[in-house]
Amino acid sequence: MDNLNIHFRCSVETVLGELEGRLLWRRFVLHYTPKHASWLNAAELEASLVSRECLGQRRVPSLVDLISLVAAWRRRAEEEHRIIEWRFRVDDARRVFRYEGLTTRRSEH
């Protein structure tokens, strides 16, 4: 999970109460992610694709059904050899965020 402020035990306890929050929190195994990680973009893209292409607006009646739907979606995606084609490159970011004076390579001194 990311390091968003709501992803902490105290936030869960604030919403659910101390006892229920603590009981729920104990069920999680936490794996914090780095704050700046390029792989996180890929993970977020895949989650978005699962949401749009696999689940859509429907409600999935059970966890077993959800696992089955996502597994089938993933098999199709792998059979199609999908890749992430990054289109927003460093030079694009510098242009969009108005860093025109900076170059891609560091200047040598």
PDB file of N, CA and C in Angstrom:
ATOM      1  N   MET A   1       0.839  -1.177   0.000  1.00  0.00           N
ATOM      2  CA  MET A   1       0.000   0.000   0.000  1.00  0.00           C
ATOM      3  C   MET A   1       0.879   1.234   0.000  1.00  0.00           C
ATOM      4  N   ASP A   2       0.311   2.314  -0.405  1.00  0.00           N
ATOM      5  CA  ASP A   2       1.093   3.536  -0.418  1.00  0.00           C
ATOM      6  C   ASP A   2       1.085   4.168   0.974  1.00  0.00           C
ATOM      7  N   ASN A   3       1.726   5.285   1.095  1.00  0.00           N
ATOM      8  CA  ASN A   3       1.895   5.922   2.397  1.00  0.00           C
ATOM      9  C   ASN A   3       0.864   7.020   2.660  1.00  0.00           C
ATOM     10  N   LEU A   4      -0.303   6.894   2.068  1.00  0.00           N
ATOM     11  CA  LEU A   4      -1.361   7.866   2.278  1.00  0.00           C
ATOM     12  C   LEU A   4      -1.753   7.901   3.750  1.00  0.00           C
ATOM     13  N   ASN A   5      -2.100   9.052   4.251  1.00  0.00           N
ATOM     14  CA  ASN A   5      -2.362   9.204   5.681  1.00  0.00           C
ATOM     15  C   ASN A   5      -3.493   8.335   6.212  1.00  0.00           C
ATOM     16  N   ILE A   6      -4.432   7.933   5.355  1.00  0.00           N
ATOM     17  CA  ILE A   6      -5.531   7.101   5.853  1.00  0.00           C
ATOM     18  C   ILE A   6      -5.138   5.635   5.966  1.00  0.00           C
ATOM     19  N   HIS A   7      -3.957   5.289   5.513  1.00  0.00           N
ATOM     20  CA  HIS A   7      -3.503   3.906   5.548  1.00  0.00           C
ATOM     21  C   HIS A   7      -2.706   3.605   6.815  1.00  0.00           C
ATOM     22  N   PHE A   8      -3.185   4.052   7.933  1.00  0.00           N
ATOM     23  CA  PHE A   8      -2.542   3.816   9.222  1.00  0.00           C
ATOM     24  C   PHE A   8      -3.588   3.364  10.227  1.00  0.00           C
ATOM     25  N   ARG A   9      -3.141   2.634  11.232  1.00  0.00           N
ATOM     26  CA  ARG A   9      -4.057   2.080  12.222  1.00  0.00           C
ATOM     27  C   ARG A   9      -4.904   3.169  12.888  1.00  0.00           C
ATOM     28  N   CYS A  10      -4.285   4.290  13.237  1.00  0.00           N
ATOM     29  CA  CYS A  10      -5.038   5.335  13.941  1.00  0.00           C
ATOM     30  C   CYS A  10      -6.199   5.857  13.088  1.00  0.00           C
ATOM     31  N   SER A  11      -6.033   5.897  11.774  1.00  0.00           N
ATOM     32  CA  SER A  11      -7.125   6.347  10.906  1.00  0.00           C
ATOM     33  C   SER A  11      -8.270   5.343  10.909  1.00  0.00           C
ATOM     34  N   VAL A  12      -7.925   4.054  10.879  1.00  0.00           N
ATOM     35  CA  VAL A  12      -8.952   3.016  10.910  1.00  0.00           C
ATOM     36  C   VAL A  12      -9.687   3.055  12.253  1.00  0.00           C
ATOM     37  N   GLU A  13      -8.940   3.243  13.331  1.00  0.00           N
ATOM     38  CA  GLU A  13      -9.549   3.299  14.660  1.00  0.00           C
ATOM     39  C   GLU A  13     -10.435   4.529  14.817  1.00  0.00           C
ATOM     40  N   THR A  14     -10.064   5.624  14.184  1.00  0.00           N
ATOM     41  CA  THR A  14     -10.882   6.834  14.253  1.00  0.00           C
ATOM     42  C   THR A  14     -12.247   6.598  13.615  1.00  0.00           C
ATOM     43  N   VAL A  15     -12.267   5.880  12.502  1.00  0.00           N
ATOM     44  CA  VAL A  15     -13.511   5.632  11.785  1.00  0.00           C
ATOM     45  C   VAL A  15     -14.335   4.529  12.443  1.00  0.00           C
ATOM     46  N   LEU A  16     -13.692   3.434  12.817  1.00  0.00           N
ATOM     47  CA  LEU A  16     -14.420   2.263  13.310  1.00  0.00           C
ATOM     48  C   LEU A  16     -14.480   2.146  14.828  1.00  0.00           C
ATOM     49  N   GLY A  17     -13.729   2.975  15.509  1.00  0.00           N
ATOM     50  CA  GLY A  17     -13.614   2.831  16.958  1.00  0.00           C
ATOM     51  C   GLY A  17     -12.372   2.028  17.279  1.00  0.00           C
ATOM     52  N   GLU A  18     -11.889   2.202  18.495  1.00  0.00           N
ATOM     53  CA  GLU A  18     -10.605   1.599  18.854  1.00  0.00           C
ATOM     54  C   GLU A  18     -10.620   0.071  18.752  1.00  0.00           C
ATOM     55  N   LEU A  19     -11.617  -0.576  19.312  1.00  0.00           N
ATOM     56  CA  LEU A  19     -11.653  -2.036  19.329  1.00  0.00           C
ATOM     57  C   LEU A  19     -11.830  -2.614  17.922  1.00  0.00           C
ATOM     58  N   GLU A  20     -12.872  -2.168  17.197  1.00  0.00           N
ATOM     59  CA  GLU A  20     -13.108  -2.693  15.851  1.00  0.00           C
ATOM     60  C   GLU A  20     -11.964  -2.347  14.904  1.00  0.00           C
ATOM     61  N   GLY A  21     -11.439  -1.139  15.029  1.00  0.00           N
ATOM     62  CA  GLY A  21     -10.326  -0.720  14.185  1.00  0.00           C
ATOM     63  C   GLY A  21      -9.101  -1.579  14.406  1.00  0.00           C
ATOM     64  N   ARG A  22      -8.784  -1.855  15.658  1.00  0.00           N
ATOM     65  CA  ARG A  22      -7.613  -2.677  15.966  1.00  0.00           C
ATOM     66  C   ARG A  22      -7.811  -4.110  15.472  1.00  0.00           C
ATOM     67  N   LEU A  23      -9.009  -4.656  15.645  1.00  0.00           N
ATOM     68  CA  LEU A  23      -9.289  -6.021  15.177  1.00  0.00           C
ATOM     69  C   LEU A  23      -9.146  -6.118  13.655  1.00  0.00           C
ATOM     70  N   LEU A  24      -9.680  -5.121  12.943  1.00  0.00           N
ATOM     71  CA  LEU A  24      -9.554  -5.124  11.498  1.00  0.00           C
ATOM     72  C   LEU A  24      -8.092  -4.956  11.084  1.00  0.00           C
ATOM     73  N   TRP A  25      -7.392  -4.037  11.722  1.00  0.00           N
ATOM     74  CA  TRP A  25      -6.002  -3.748  11.362  1.00  0.00           C
ATOM     75  C   TRP A  25      -5.119  -4.981  11.503  1.00  0.00           C
ATOM     76  N   ARG A  26      -5.388  -5.822  12.485  1.00  0.00           N
ATOM     77  CA  ARG A  26      -4.596  -7.035  12.698  1.00  0.00           C
ATOM     78  C   ARG A  26      -4.722  -8.021  11.544  1.00  0.00           C
ATOM     79  N   ARG A  27      -5.761  -7.902  10.753  1.00  0.00           N
ATOM     80  CA  ARG A  27      -5.961  -8.822   9.620  1.00  0.00           C
ATOM     81  C   ARG A  27      -5.060  -8.495   8.428  1.00  0.00           C
ATOM     82  N   PHE A  28      -4.467  -7.310   8.408  1.00  0.00           N
ATOM     83  CA  PHE A  28      -3.648  -6.872   7.283  1.00  0.00           C
ATOM     84  C   PHE A  28      -2.185  -7.244   7.478  1.00  0.00           C
ATOM     85  N   VAL A  29      -1.537  -7.571   6.377  1.00  0.00           N
ATOM     86  CA  VAL A  29      -0.088  -7.694   6.337  1.00  0.00           C
ATOM     87  C   VAL A  29       0.379  -6.526   5.482  1.00  0.00           C
ATOM     88  N   LEU A  30       1.118  -5.625   6.076  1.00  0.00           N
ATOM     89  CA  LEU A  30       1.475  -4.389   5.391  1.00  0.00           C
ATOM     90  C   LEU A  30       2.775  -4.519   4.625  1.00  0.00           C
ATOM     91  N   HIS A  31       2.766  -3.989   3.427  1.00  0.00           N
ATOM     92  CA  HIS A  31       3.947  -3.906   2.585  1.00  0.00           C
ATOM     93  C   HIS A  31       3.969  -2.484   2.034  1.00  0.00           C
ATOM     94  N   TYR A  32       4.677  -1.602   2.705  1.00  0.00           N
ATOM     95  CA  TYR A  32       4.710  -0.211   2.269  1.00  0.00           C
ATOM     96  C   TYR A  32       5.529  -0.068   0.998  1.00  0.00           C
ATOM     97  N   THR A  33       5.096   0.821   0.142  1.00  0.00           N
ATOM     98  CA  THR A  33       5.796   1.068  -1.113  1.00  0.00           C
ATOM     99  C   THR A  33       6.632   2.332  -0.991  1.00  0.00           C
ATOM    100  N   PRO A  34       7.694   2.422  -1.777  1.00  0.00           N
ATOM    101  CA  PRO A  34       8.463   3.671  -1.801  1.00  0.00           C
ATOM    102  C   PRO A  34       7.573   4.806  -2.291  1.00  0.00           C
ATOM    103  N   LYS A  35       7.831   6.009  -1.829  1.00  0.00           N
ATOM    104  CA  LYS A  35       7.006   7.148  -2.236  1.00  0.00           C
ATOM    105  C   LYS A  35       7.211   7.507  -3.698  1.00  0.00           C
ATOM    106  N   HIS A  36       8.400   7.269  -4.206  1.00  0.00           N
ATOM    107  CA  HIS A  36       8.697   7.611  -5.599  1.00  0.00           C
ATOM    108  C   HIS A  36       9.168   6.344  -6.296  1.00  0.00           C
ATOM    109  N   ALA A  37       8.268   5.684  -6.989  1.00  0.00           N
ATOM    110  CA  ALA A  37       8.631   4.438  -7.654  1.00  0.00           C
ATOM    111  C   ALA A  37       7.940   4.351  -9.002  1.00  0.00           C
ATOM    112  N   SER A  38       8.718   4.126 -10.045  1.00  0.00           N
ATOM    113  CA  SER A  38       8.126   4.056 -11.375  1.00  0.00           C
ATOM    114  C   SER A  38       7.228   2.833 -11.517  1.00  0.00           C
ATOM    115  N   TRP A  39       7.514   1.749 -10.778  1.00  0.00           N
ATOM    116  CA  TRP A  39       6.677   0.555 -10.885  1.00  0.00           C
ATOM    117  C   TRP A  39       5.278   0.816 -10.353  1.00  0.00           C
ATOM    118  N   LEU A  40       5.146   1.802  -9.460  1.00  0.00           N
ATOM    119  CA  LEU A  40       3.838   2.110  -8.904  1.00  0.00           C
ATOM    120  C   LEU A  40       2.895   2.585  -9.995  1.00  0.00           C
ATOM    121  N   ASN A  41       3.412   3.324 -10.972  1.00  0.00           N
ATOM    122  CA  ASN A  41       2.574   3.764 -12.089  1.00  0.00           C
ATOM    123  C   ASN A  41       2.023   2.574 -12.847  1.00  0.00           C
ATOM    124  N   ALA A  42       2.866   1.560 -13.084  1.00  0.00           N
ATOM    125  CA  ALA A  42       2.418   0.366 -13.795  1.00  0.00           C
ATOM    126  C   ALA A  42       1.351  -0.373 -12.990  1.00  0.00           C
ATOM    127  N   ALA A  43       1.538  -0.472 -11.687  1.00  0.00           N
ATOM    128  CA  ALA A  43       0.560  -1.150 -10.837  1.00  0.00           C
ATOM    129  C   ALA A  43      -0.772  -0.398 -10.848  1.00  0.00           C
ATOM    130  N   GLU A  44      -0.715   0.923 -10.791  1.00  0.00           N
ATOM    131  CA  GLU A  44      -1.940   1.718 -10.826  1.00  0.00           C
ATOM    132  C   GLU A  44      -2.638   1.596 -12.179  1.00  0.00           C
ATOM    133  N   LEU A  45      -1.850   1.539 -13.257  1.00  0.00           N
ATOM    134  CA  LEU A  45      -2.438   1.355 -14.578  1.00  0.00           C
ATOM    135  C   LEU A  45      -3.166   0.014 -14.674  1.00  0.00           C
ATOM    136  N   GLU A  46      -2.544  -1.036 -14.161  1.00  0.00           N
ATOM    137  CA  GLU A  46      -3.181  -2.351 -14.237  1.00  0.00           C
ATOM    138  C   GLU A  46      -4.455  -2.385 -13.396  1.00  0.00           C
ATOM    139  N   ALA A  47      -4.414  -1.796 -12.216  1.00  0.00           N
ATOM    140  CA  ALA A  47      -5.623  -1.748 -11.389  1.00  0.00           C
ATOM    141  C   ALA A  47      -6.738  -1.000 -12.103  1.00  0.00           C
ATOM    142  N   SER A  48      -6.388   0.069 -12.787  1.00  0.00           N
ATOM    143  CA  SER A  48      -7.376   0.832 -13.535  1.00  0.00           C
ATOM    144  C   SER A  48      -7.956   0.011 -14.681  1.00  0.00           C
ATOM    145  N   LEU A  49      -7.096  -0.724 -15.380  1.00  0.00           N
ATOM    146  CA  LEU A  49      -7.568  -1.566 -16.483  1.00  0.00           C
ATOM    147  C   LEU A  49      -8.493  -2.678 -15.980  1.00  0.00           C
ATOM    148  N   VAL A  50      -8.139  -3.299 -14.869  1.00  0.00           N
ATOM    149  CA  VAL A  50      -8.998  -4.337 -14.293  1.00  0.00           C
ATOM    150  C   VAL A  50     -10.357  -3.740 -13.972  1.00  0.00           C
ATOM    151  N   SER A  51     -10.338  -2.566 -13.379  1.00  0.00           N
ATOM    152  CA  SER A  51     -11.590  -1.911 -13.006  1.00  0.00           C
ATOM    153  C   SER A  51     -12.447  -1.607 -14.231  1.00  0.00           C
ATOM    154  N   ARG A  52     -11.841  -1.039 -15.275  1.00  0.00           N
ATOM    155  CA  ARG A  52     -12.608  -0.633 -16.458  1.00  0.00           C
ATOM    156  C   ARG A  52     -12.964  -1.795 -17.373  1.00  0.00           C
ATOM    157  N   GLU A  53     -11.979  -2.654 -17.674  1.00  0.00           N
ATOM    158  CA  GLU A  53     -12.187  -3.695 -18.682  1.00  0.00           C
ATOM    159  C   GLU A  53     -12.817  -4.966 -18.122  1.00  0.00           C
ATOM    160  N   CYS A  54     -12.559  -5.249 -16.871  1.00  0.00           N
ATOM    161  CA  CYS A  54     -12.998  -6.519 -16.301  1.00  0.00           C
ATOM    162  C   CYS A  54     -14.265  -6.349 -15.463  1.00  0.00           C
ATOM    163  N   LEU A  55     -14.268  -5.359 -14.603  1.00  0.00           N
ATOM    164  CA  LEU A  55     -15.372  -5.231 -13.650  1.00  0.00           C
ATOM    165  C   LEU A  55     -16.464  -4.294 -14.122  1.00  0.00           C
ATOM    166  N   GLY A  56     -16.086  -3.184 -14.699  1.00  0.00           N
ATOM    167  CA  GLY A  56     -17.077  -2.222 -15.165  1.00  0.00           C
ATOM    168  C   GLY A  56     -17.931  -1.697 -14.025  1.00  0.00           C
ATOM    169  N   GLN A  57     -19.213  -1.527 -14.273  1.00  0.00           N
ATOM    170  CA  GLN A  57     -20.132  -0.977 -13.276  1.00  0.00           C
ATOM    171  C   GLN A  57     -20.850  -2.052 -12.465  1.00  0.00           C
ATOM    172  N   ARG A  58     -20.632  -3.297 -12.794  1.00  0.00           N
ATOM    173  CA  ARG A  58     -21.378  -4.365 -12.130  1.00  0.00           C
ATOM    174  C   ARG A  58     -20.847  -4.673 -10.728  1.00  0.00           C
ATOM    175  N   ARG A  59     -21.704  -5.259  -9.944  1.00  0.00           N
ATOM    176  CA  ARG A  59     -21.320  -5.735  -8.614  1.00  0.00           C
ATOM    177  C   ARG A  59     -21.011  -7.219  -8.723  1.00  0.00           C
ATOM    178  N   VAL A  60     -19.915  -7.625  -8.139  1.00  0.00           N
ATOM    179  CA  VAL A  60     -19.513  -9.026  -8.167  1.00  0.00           C
ATOM    180  C   VAL A  60     -20.022  -9.654  -6.874  1.00  0.00           C
ATOM    181  N   PRO A  61     -20.807 -10.733  -6.986  1.00  0.00           N
ATOM    182  CA  PRO A  61     -21.495 -11.268  -5.814  1.00  0.00           C
ATOM    183  C   PRO A  61     -20.605 -11.937  -4.771  1.00  0.00           C
ATOM    184  N   SER A  62     -19.420 -12.429  -5.178  1.00  0.00           N
ATOM    185  CA  SER A  62     -18.602 -13.125  -4.180  1.00  0.00           C
ATOM    186  C   SER A  62     -17.119 -12.980  -4.515  1.00  0.00           C
ATOM    187  N   LEU A  63     -16.292 -13.260  -3.531  1.00  0.00           N
ATOM    188  CA  LEU A  63     -14.856 -13.204  -3.729  1.00  0.00           C
ATOM    189  C   LEU A  63     -14.417 -14.257  -4.744  1.00  0.00           C
ATOM    190  N   VAL A  64     -15.025 -15.419  -4.711  1.00  0.00           N
ATOM    191  CA  VAL A  64     -14.701 -16.482  -5.673  1.00  0.00           C
ATOM    192  C   VAL A  64     -14.972 -16.004  -7.096  1.00  0.00           C
ATOM    193  N   ASP A  65     -16.099 -15.349  -7.311  1.00  0.00           N
ATOM    194  CA  ASP A  65     -16.425 -14.808  -8.630  1.00  0.00           C
ATOM    195  C   ASP A  65     -15.425 -13.729  -9.048  1.00  0.00           C
ATOM    196  N   LEU A  66     -15.053 -12.877  -8.112  1.00  0.00           N
ATOM    197  CA  LEU A  66     -14.092 -11.812  -8.404  1.00  0.00           C
ATOM    198  C   LEU A  66     -12.753 -12.405  -8.824  1.00  0.00           C
ATOM    199  N   ILE A  67     -12.279 -13.387  -8.082  1.00  0.00           N
ATOM    200  CA  ILE A  67     -11.004 -14.026  -8.408  1.00  0.00           C
ATOM    201  C   ILE A  67     -11.071 -14.663  -9.788  1.00  0.00           C
ATOM    202  N   SER A  68     -12.166 -15.311 -10.093  1.00  0.00           N
ATOM    203  CA  SER A  68     -12.345 -15.958 -11.395  1.00  0.00           C
ATOM    204  C   SER A  68     -12.360 -14.938 -12.533  1.00  0.00           C
ATOM    205  N   LEU A  69     -13.101 -13.849 -12.358  1.00  0.00           N
ATOM    206  CA  LEU A  69     -13.177 -12.803 -13.390  1.00  0.00           C
ATOM    207  C   LEU A  69     -11.813 -12.173 -13.659  1.00  0.00           C
ATOM    208  N   VAL A  70     -11.109 -11.831 -12.583  1.00  0.00           N
ATOM    209  CA  VAL A  70      -9.806 -11.171 -12.741  1.00  0.00           C
ATOM    210  C   VAL A  70      -8.790 -12.138 -13.350  1.00  0.00           C
ATOM    211  N   ALA A  71      -8.833 -13.410 -12.949  1.00  0.00           N
ATOM    212  CA  ALA A  71      -7.912 -14.401 -13.514  1.00  0.00           C
ATOM    213  C   ALA A  71      -8.148 -14.559 -15.018  1.00  0.00           C
ATOM    214  N   ALA A  72      -9.401 -14.592 -15.432  1.00  0.00           N
ATOM    215  CA  ALA A  72      -9.716 -14.710 -16.861  1.00  0.00           C
ATOM    216  C   ALA A  72      -9.250 -13.470 -17.611  1.00  0.00           C
ATOM    217  N   TRP A  73      -9.451 -12.296 -17.046  1.00  0.00           N
ATOM    218  CA  TRP A  73      -8.999 -11.049 -17.669  1.00  0.00           C
ATOM    219  C   TRP A  73      -7.478 -11.065 -17.816  1.00  0.00           C
ATOM    220  N   ARG A  74      -6.802 -11.497 -16.769  1.00  0.00           N
ATOM    221  CA  ARG A  74      -5.330 -11.519 -16.779  1.00  0.00           C
ATOM    222  C   ARG A  74      -4.807 -12.506 -17.830  1.00  0.00           C
ATOM    223  N   ARG A  75      -5.430 -13.675 -17.949  1.00  0.00           N
ATOM    224  CA  ARG A  75      -5.009 -14.641 -18.963  1.00  0.00           C
ATOM    225  C   ARG A  75      -5.127 -14.039 -20.367  1.00  0.00           C
ATOM    226  N   ARG A  76      -6.256 -13.370 -20.627  1.00  0.00           N
ATOM    227  CA  ARG A  76      -6.433 -12.734 -21.944  1.00  0.00           C
ATOM    228  C   ARG A  76      -5.367 -11.667 -22.186  1.00  0.00           C
ATOM    229  N   ALA A  77      -5.108 -10.861 -21.170  1.00  0.00           N
ATOM    230  CA  ALA A  77      -4.107  -9.795 -21.308  1.00  0.00           C
ATOM    231  C   ALA A  77      -2.723 -10.385 -21.586  1.00  0.00           C
ATOM    232  N   GLU A  78      -2.394 -11.471 -20.911  1.00  0.00           N
ATOM    233  CA  GLU A  78      -1.095 -12.101 -21.132  1.00  0.00           C
ATOM    234  C   GLU A  78      -1.018 -12.753 -22.510  1.00  0.00           C
ATOM    235  N   GLU A  79      -2.112 -13.357 -22.956  1.00  0.00           N
ATOM    236  CA  GLU A  79      -2.136 -13.963 -24.299  1.00  0.00           C
ATOM    237  C   GLU A  79      -1.954 -12.910 -25.386  1.00  0.00           C
ATOM    238  N   GLU A  80      -2.460 -11.711 -25.125  1.00  0.00           N
ATOM    239  CA  GLU A  80      -2.328 -10.611 -26.082  1.00  0.00           C
ATOM    240  C   GLU A  80      -0.969  -9.926 -25.992  1.00  0.00           C
ATOM    241  N   HIS A  81      -0.143 -10.349 -25.057  1.00  0.00           N
ATOM    242  CA  HIS A  81       1.197  -9.770 -24.849  1.00  0.00           C
ATOM    243  C   HIS A  81       1.127  -8.255 -24.699  1.00  0.00           C
ATOM    244  N   ARG A  82       0.221  -7.827 -23.858  1.00  0.00           N
ATOM    245  CA  ARG A  82       0.083  -6.387 -23.639  1.00  0.00           C
ATOM    246  C   ARG A  82       1.329  -5.822 -22.981  1.00  0.00           C
ATOM    247  N   ILE A  83       1.668  -4.620 -23.373  1.00  0.00           N
ATOM    248  CA  ILE A  83       2.795  -3.916 -22.760  1.00  0.00           C
ATOM    249  C   ILE A  83       2.353  -2.494 -22.439  1.00  0.00           C
ATOM    250  N   ILE A  84       3.088  -1.868 -21.568  1.00  0.00           N
ATOM    251  CA  ILE A  84       2.836  -0.461 -21.264  1.00  0.00           C
ATOM    252  C   ILE A  84       3.730   0.360 -22.193  1.00  0.00           C
ATOM    253  N   GLU A  85       3.105   1.187 -22.987  1.00  0.00           N
ATOM    254  CA  GLU A  85       3.853   2.052 -23.885  1.00  0.00           C
ATOM    255  C   GLU A  85       3.874   3.453 -23.269  1.00  0.00           C
ATOM    256  N   TRP A  86       4.993   3.774 -22.656  1.00  0.00           N
ATOM    257  CA  TRP A  86       5.102   5.075 -21.998  1.00  0.00           C
ATOM    258  C   TRP A  86       5.176   6.160 -23.047  1.00  0.00           C
ATOM    259  N   ARG A  87       4.269   7.095 -22.966  1.00  0.00           N
ATOM    260  CA  ARG A  87       4.245   8.184 -23.941  1.00  0.00           C
ATOM    261  C   ARG A  87       4.671   9.506 -23.327  1.00  0.00           C
ATOM    262  N   PHE A  88       4.560   9.618 -22.041  1.00  0.00           N
ATOM    263  CA  PHE A  88       4.904  10.870 -21.357  1.00  0.00           C
ATOM    264  C   PHE A  88       6.338  10.734 -20.869  1.00  0.00           C
ATOM    265  N   ARG A  89       7.256  11.293 -21.615  1.00  0.00           N
ATOM    266  CA  ARG A  89       8.683  11.136 -21.321  1.00  0.00           C
ATOM    267  C   ARG A  89       9.200  12.367 -20.578  1.00  0.00           C
ATOM    268  N   VAL A  90      10.451  12.294 -20.182  1.00  0.00           N
ATOM    269  CA  VAL A  90      11.066  13.379 -19.416  1.00  0.00           C
ATOM    270  C   VAL A  90      10.962  14.698 -20.170  1.00  0.00           C
ATOM    271  N   ASP A  91      11.272  14.677 -21.443  1.00  0.00           N
ATOM    272  CA  ASP A  91      11.196  15.922 -22.231  1.00  0.00           C
ATOM    273  C   ASP A  91       9.773  16.471 -22.279  1.00  0.00           C
ATOM    274  N   ASP A  92       8.775  15.572 -22.339  1.00  0.00           N
ATOM    275  CA  ASP A  92       7.371  16.005 -22.310  1.00  0.00           C
ATOM    276  C   ASP A  92       7.049  16.668 -20.973  1.00  0.00           C
ATOM    277  N   ALA A  93       7.511  16.066 -19.893  1.00  0.00           N
ATOM    278  CA  ALA A  93       7.253  16.620 -18.559  1.00  0.00           C
ATOM    279  C   ALA A  93       7.879  17.999 -18.424  1.00  0.00           C
ATOM    280  N   ARG A  94       9.093  18.136 -18.926  1.00  0.00           N
ATOM    281  CA  ARG A  94       9.760  19.441 -18.833  1.00  0.00           C
ATOM    282  C   ARG A  94       8.998  20.503 -19.627  1.00  0.00           C
ATOM    283  N   ARG A  95       8.461  20.104 -20.775  1.00  0.00           N
ATOM    284  CA  ARG A  95       7.679  21.045 -21.587  1.00  0.00           C
ATOM    285  C   ARG A  95       6.366  21.392 -20.882  1.00  0.00           C
ATOM    286  N   VAL A  96       5.640  20.387 -20.430  1.00  0.00           N
ATOM    287  CA  VAL A  96       4.335  20.600 -19.804  1.00  0.00           C
ATOM    288  C   VAL A  96       4.470  21.417 -18.518  1.00  0.00           C
ATOM    289  N   PHE A  97       5.498  21.109 -17.735  1.00  0.00           N
ATOM    290  CA  PHE A  97       5.655  21.802 -16.458  1.00  0.00           C
ATOM    291  C   PHE A  97       6.600  22.991 -16.548  1.00  0.00           C
ATOM    292  N   ARG A  98       6.873  23.394 -17.776  1.00  0.00           N
ATOM    293  CA  ARG A  98       7.627  24.614 -18.087  1.00  0.00           C
ATOM    294  C   ARG A  98       9.050  24.636 -17.527  1.00  0.00           C
ATOM    295  N   TYR A  99       9.751  23.525 -17.720  1.00  0.00           N
ATOM    296  CA  TYR A  99      11.169  23.453 -17.366  1.00  0.00           C
ATOM    297  C   TYR A  99      11.992  23.478 -18.635  1.00  0.00           C
ATOM    298  N   GLU A 100      11.701  24.428 -19.531  1.00  0.00           N
ATOM    299  CA  GLU A 100      12.342  24.454 -20.835  1.00  0.00           C
ATOM    300  C   GLU A 100      13.849  24.603 -20.750  1.00  0.00           C
ATOM    301  N   GLY A 101      14.341  25.274 -19.728  1.00  0.00           N
ATOM    302  CA  GLY A 101      15.774  25.541 -19.627  1.00  0.00           C
ATOM    303  C   GLY A 101      16.596  24.327 -19.269  1.00  0.00           C
ATOM    304  N   LEU A 102      15.965  23.256 -18.816  1.00  0.00           N
ATOM    305  CA  LEU A 102      16.698  22.065 -18.401  1.00  0.00           C
ATOM    306  C   LEU A 102      16.814  21.092 -19.557  1.00  0.00           C
ATOM    307  N   THR A 103      17.925  20.415 -19.631  1.00  0.00           N
ATOM    308  CA  THR A 103      18.109  19.408 -20.661  1.00  0.00           C
ATOM    309  C   THR A 103      17.996  18.022 -20.048  1.00  0.00           C
ATOM    310  N   THR A 104      17.904  17.022 -20.901  1.00  0.00           N
ATOM    311  CA  THR A 104      17.750  15.651 -20.432  1.00  0.00           C
ATOM    312  C   THR A 104      18.992  15.188 -19.689  1.00  0.00           C
ATOM    313  N   ARG A 105      20.173  15.569 -20.175  1.00  0.00           N
ATOM    314  CA  ARG A 105      21.415  15.168 -19.516  1.00  0.00           C
ATOM    315  C   ARG A 105      21.901  16.274 -18.611  1.00  0.00           C
ATOM    316  N   ARG A 106      22.545  15.846 -17.545  1.00  0.00           N
ATOM    317  CA  ARG A 106      23.125  16.859 -16.651  1.00  0.00           C
ATOM    318  C   ARG A 106      24.318  17.519 -17.344  1.00  0.00           C
ATOM    319  N   SER A 107      24.447  18.810 -17.113  1.00  0.00           N
ATOM    320  CA  SER A 107      25.576  19.505 -17.721  1.00  0.00           C
ATOM    321  C   SER A 107      26.853  19.136 -16.967  1.00  0.00           C
ATOM    322  N   GLU A 108      27.914  18.952 -17.711  1.00  0.00           N
ATOM    323  CA  GLU A 108      29.192  18.580 -17.104  1.00  0.00           C
ATOM    324  C   GLU A 108      29.954  19.841 -16.751  1.00  0.00           C
ATOM    325  N   HIS A 109      30.499  19.870 -15.550  1.00  0.00           N
ATOM    326  CA  HIS A 109      31.274  21.032 -15.099  1.00  0.00           C
ATOM    327  C   HIS A 109      32.702  20.642 -14.874  1.00  0.00           C
TER     328      HIS A 109
END
